[in-house]
Amino acid sequence: MEPDTKHRVDLAARAALDKLATDLVALDVSEHLALTDAFVICSGRNERQVDAIVDAIERAVPGVPVRREGKGTGRWVLLDFGDFVAHVQHAEERAFYDLERLWKDCPRLEVPDE
């Protein structure tokens, strides 16, 4: 993974945690996906918090996301920055879809915890 990608993942993680995102996990998916290098996965307790986390990530990470899906529902928002994808999920969607289980073979990335 490129150092710049890791830096952008750290920026997204820090922004999400600043908005009190829970259960934040970053995964290196570069060996399994050709389209992106990392996932940042985190949860919000309600739709308003999910939206606040998404807005904070968009402000913190340089550049405009290549793709943005789910913003209208506030249940699962995907921000595709090209080199990494941020998944911000309502806690119920997070438990149901369990992305960490799907990508359990991918190494976890160390991210700032504050």
C-alpha atoms as a PDB file:
ATOM      1  CA  MET A   1       0.000   0.000   0.000  1.00  0.00           C
ATOM      2  CA  GLU A   2       1.236   3.442  -0.890  1.00  0.00           C
ATOM      3  CA  PRO A   3       2.165   5.730   2.042  1.00  0.00           C
ATOM      4  CA  ASP A   4      -0.227   8.383   0.686  1.00  0.00           C
ATOM      5  CA  THR A   5      -3.109   5.899   0.809  1.00  0.00           C
ATOM      6  CA  LYS A   6      -2.296   5.009   4.420  1.00  0.00           C
ATOM      7  CA  HIS A   7      -2.201   8.724   5.254  1.00  0.00           C
ATOM      8  CA  ARG A   8      -5.632   9.241   3.656  1.00  0.00           C
ATOM      9  CA  VAL A   9      -7.014   6.238   5.568  1.00  0.00           C
ATOM     10  CA  ASP A  10      -5.674   7.800   8.779  1.00  0.00           C
ATOM     11  CA  LEU A  11      -7.337  11.131   7.927  1.00  0.00           C
ATOM     12  CA  ALA A  12     -10.670   9.389   7.349  1.00  0.00           C
ATOM     13  CA  ALA A  13     -10.349   7.390  10.568  1.00  0.00           C
ATOM     14  CA  ARG A  14      -9.483  10.460  12.618  1.00  0.00           C
ATOM     15  CA  ALA A  15     -12.416  12.407  11.133  1.00  0.00           C
ATOM     16  CA  ALA A  16     -14.831   9.553  11.854  1.00  0.00           C
ATOM     17  CA  LEU A  17     -13.610   9.185  15.425  1.00  0.00           C
ATOM     18  CA  ASP A  18     -13.942  12.947  15.952  1.00  0.00           C
ATOM     19  CA  LYS A  19     -17.667  12.472  15.234  1.00  0.00           C
ATOM     20  CA  LEU A  20     -17.787   9.585  17.739  1.00  0.00           C
ATOM     21  CA  ALA A  21     -17.922   6.758  15.203  1.00  0.00           C
ATOM     22  CA  THR A  22     -17.857   3.368  16.883  1.00  0.00           C
ATOM     23  CA  ASP A  23     -16.136   0.072  16.083  1.00  0.00           C
ATOM     24  CA  LEU A  24     -13.793   1.605  13.524  1.00  0.00           C
ATOM     25  CA  VAL A  25     -11.765  -0.922  11.538  1.00  0.00           C
ATOM     26  CA  ALA A  26      -9.390  -0.373   8.616  1.00  0.00           C
ATOM     27  CA  LEU A  27      -8.554  -3.304   6.350  1.00  0.00           C
ATOM     28  CA  ASP A  28      -5.850  -3.724   3.714  1.00  0.00           C
ATOM     29  CA  VAL A  29      -7.775  -5.291   0.819  1.00  0.00           C
ATOM     30  CA  SER A  30      -5.071  -4.659  -1.806  1.00  0.00           C
ATOM     31  CA  GLU A  31      -4.221  -8.361  -2.185  1.00  0.00           C
ATOM     32  CA  HIS A  32      -7.893  -9.256  -2.775  1.00  0.00           C
ATOM     33  CA  LEU A  33      -9.262  -6.347  -4.835  1.00  0.00           C
ATOM     34  CA  ALA A  34      -7.806  -4.635  -7.873  1.00  0.00           C
ATOM     35  CA  LEU A  35     -10.089  -1.607  -7.541  1.00  0.00           C
ATOM     36  CA  THR A  36      -9.008  -0.277  -4.145  1.00  0.00           C
ATOM     37  CA  ASP A  37      -6.353  -0.777  -1.470  1.00  0.00           C
ATOM     38  CA  ALA A  38      -8.207  -0.327   1.806  1.00  0.00           C
ATOM     39  CA  PHE A  39     -11.566  -0.219   3.529  1.00  0.00           C
ATOM     40  CA  VAL A  40     -12.425   2.004   6.471  1.00  0.00           C
ATOM     41  CA  ILE A  41     -15.504   0.617   8.218  1.00  0.00           C
ATOM     42  CA  CYS A  42     -17.251   2.362  11.100  1.00  0.00           C
ATOM     43  CA  SER A  43     -20.670   2.739  12.689  1.00  0.00           C
ATOM     44  CA  GLY A  44     -23.010   5.471  13.806  1.00  0.00           C
ATOM     45  CA  ARG A  45     -25.799   5.051  16.346  1.00  0.00           C
ATOM     46  CA  ASN A  46     -28.416   6.808  14.209  1.00  0.00           C
ATOM     47  CA  GLU A  47     -28.928   8.311  10.752  1.00  0.00           C
ATOM     48  CA  ARG A  48     -27.925  11.796  11.857  1.00  0.00           C
ATOM     49  CA  GLN A  49     -24.626  10.556  13.257  1.00  0.00           C
ATOM     50  CA  VAL A  50     -23.946   8.517  10.095  1.00  0.00           C
ATOM     51  CA  ASP A  51     -24.441  11.697   8.036  1.00  0.00           C
ATOM     52  CA  ALA A  52     -22.162  13.693  10.366  1.00  0.00           C
ATOM     53  CA  ILE A  53     -19.412  11.064  10.074  1.00  0.00           C
ATOM     54  CA  VAL A  54     -19.713  11.045   6.273  1.00  0.00           C
ATOM     55  CA  ASP A  55     -19.519  14.843   6.112  1.00  0.00           C
ATOM     56  CA  ALA A  56     -16.450  14.855   8.392  1.00  0.00           C
ATOM     57  CA  ILE A  57     -14.651  12.274   6.246  1.00  0.00           C
ATOM     58  CA  GLU A  58     -15.423  14.217   3.060  1.00  0.00           C
ATOM     59  CA  ARG A  59     -14.023  17.403   4.619  1.00  0.00           C
ATOM     60  CA  ALA A  60     -10.894  15.696   5.989  1.00  0.00           C
ATOM     61  CA  VAL A  61      -9.770  13.673   2.971  1.00  0.00           C
ATOM     62  CA  PRO A  62      -8.338  15.668   0.053  1.00  0.00           C
ATOM     63  CA  GLY A  63     -10.151  15.224  -3.236  1.00  0.00           C
ATOM     64  CA  VAL A  64     -13.713  14.443  -4.147  1.00  0.00           C
ATOM     65  CA  PRO A  65     -14.942  10.857  -3.774  1.00  0.00           C
ATOM     66  CA  VAL A  66     -15.111   9.019  -7.089  1.00  0.00           C
ATOM     67  CA  ARG A  67     -18.451   7.596  -6.019  1.00  0.00           C
ATOM     68  CA  ARG A  68     -20.848   8.200  -3.162  1.00  0.00           C
ATOM     69  CA  GLU A  69     -23.801   5.922  -2.447  1.00  0.00           C
ATOM     70  CA  GLY A  70     -26.489   5.785   0.229  1.00  0.00           C
ATOM     71  CA  LYS A  71     -26.327   9.371   1.486  1.00  0.00           C
ATOM     72  CA  GLY A  72     -30.105   9.798   1.265  1.00  0.00           C
ATOM     73  CA  THR A  73     -30.914   6.952   3.645  1.00  0.00           C
ATOM     74  CA  GLY A  74     -28.290   7.482   6.339  1.00  0.00           C
ATOM     75  CA  ARG A  75     -28.143   3.729   6.934  1.00  0.00           C
ATOM     76  CA  TRP A  76     -25.058   2.723   4.934  1.00  0.00           C
ATOM     77  CA  VAL A  77     -23.037   5.327   3.095  1.00  0.00           C
ATOM     78  CA  LEU A  78     -20.169   4.301   0.849  1.00  0.00           C
ATOM     79  CA  LEU A  79     -17.503   6.849  -0.089  1.00  0.00           C
ATOM     80  CA  ASP A  80     -15.164   5.608  -2.819  1.00  0.00           C
ATOM     81  CA  PHE A  81     -11.984   7.694  -2.897  1.00  0.00           C
ATOM     82  CA  GLY A  82     -10.317   5.392  -5.431  1.00  0.00           C
ATOM     83  CA  ASP A  83      -7.411   4.256  -3.272  1.00  0.00           C
ATOM     84  CA  PHE A  84      -9.702   3.459  -0.347  1.00  0.00           C
ATOM     85  CA  VAL A  85     -13.409   3.081   0.368  1.00  0.00           C
ATOM     86  CA  ALA A  86     -15.109   4.308   3.545  1.00  0.00           C
ATOM     87  CA  HIS A  87     -18.175   2.382   4.698  1.00  0.00           C
ATOM     88  CA  VAL A  88     -20.173   4.299   7.306  1.00  0.00           C
ATOM     89  CA  GLN A  89     -23.010   2.142   8.574  1.00  0.00           C
ATOM     90  CA  HIS A  90     -25.864   2.399  11.015  1.00  0.00           C
ATOM     91  CA  ALA A  91     -25.168  -0.084  13.816  1.00  0.00           C
ATOM     92  CA  GLU A  92     -28.014  -2.369  12.662  1.00  0.00           C
ATOM     93  CA  GLU A  93     -26.667  -2.576   9.089  1.00  0.00           C
ATOM     94  CA  ARG A  94     -23.181  -3.149  10.444  1.00  0.00           C
ATOM     95  CA  ALA A  95     -24.327  -6.163  12.453  1.00  0.00           C
ATOM     96  CA  PHE A  96     -26.414  -7.559   9.592  1.00  0.00           C
ATOM     97  CA  TYR A  97     -23.868  -7.254   6.751  1.00  0.00           C
ATOM     98  CA  ASP A  98     -20.784  -7.965   8.918  1.00  0.00           C
ATOM     99  CA  LEU A  99     -18.210  -6.754   6.390  1.00  0.00           C
ATOM    100  CA  GLU A 100     -15.342  -7.752   8.676  1.00  0.00           C
ATOM    101  CA  ARG A 101     -16.426 -11.383   8.395  1.00  0.00           C
ATOM    102  CA  LEU A 102     -16.530 -11.145   4.599  1.00  0.00           C
ATOM    103  CA  TRP A 103     -13.006  -9.702   4.533  1.00  0.00           C
ATOM    104  CA  LYS A 104     -11.615 -11.638   7.517  1.00  0.00           C
ATOM    105  CA  ASP A 105      -8.542 -12.756   5.543  1.00  0.00           C
ATOM    106  CA  CYS A 106      -7.421  -9.159   5.036  1.00  0.00           C
ATOM    107  CA  PRO A 107      -4.895  -7.671   7.449  1.00  0.00           C
ATOM    108  CA  ARG A 108      -6.083  -4.887   9.720  1.00  0.00           C
ATOM    109  CA  LEU A 109      -4.414  -1.523   9.445  1.00  0.00           C
ATOM    110  CA  GLU A 110      -3.386   0.356  12.531  1.00  0.00           C
ATOM    111  CA  VAL A 111      -5.234   3.672  12.692  1.00  0.00           C
ATOM    112  CA  PRO A 112      -5.188   6.551  15.175  1.00  0.00           C
ATOM    113  CA  ASP A 113      -7.520   5.906  18.084  1.00  0.00           C
ATOM    114  CA  GLU A 114      -8.068   9.551  18.987  1.00  0.00           C
END
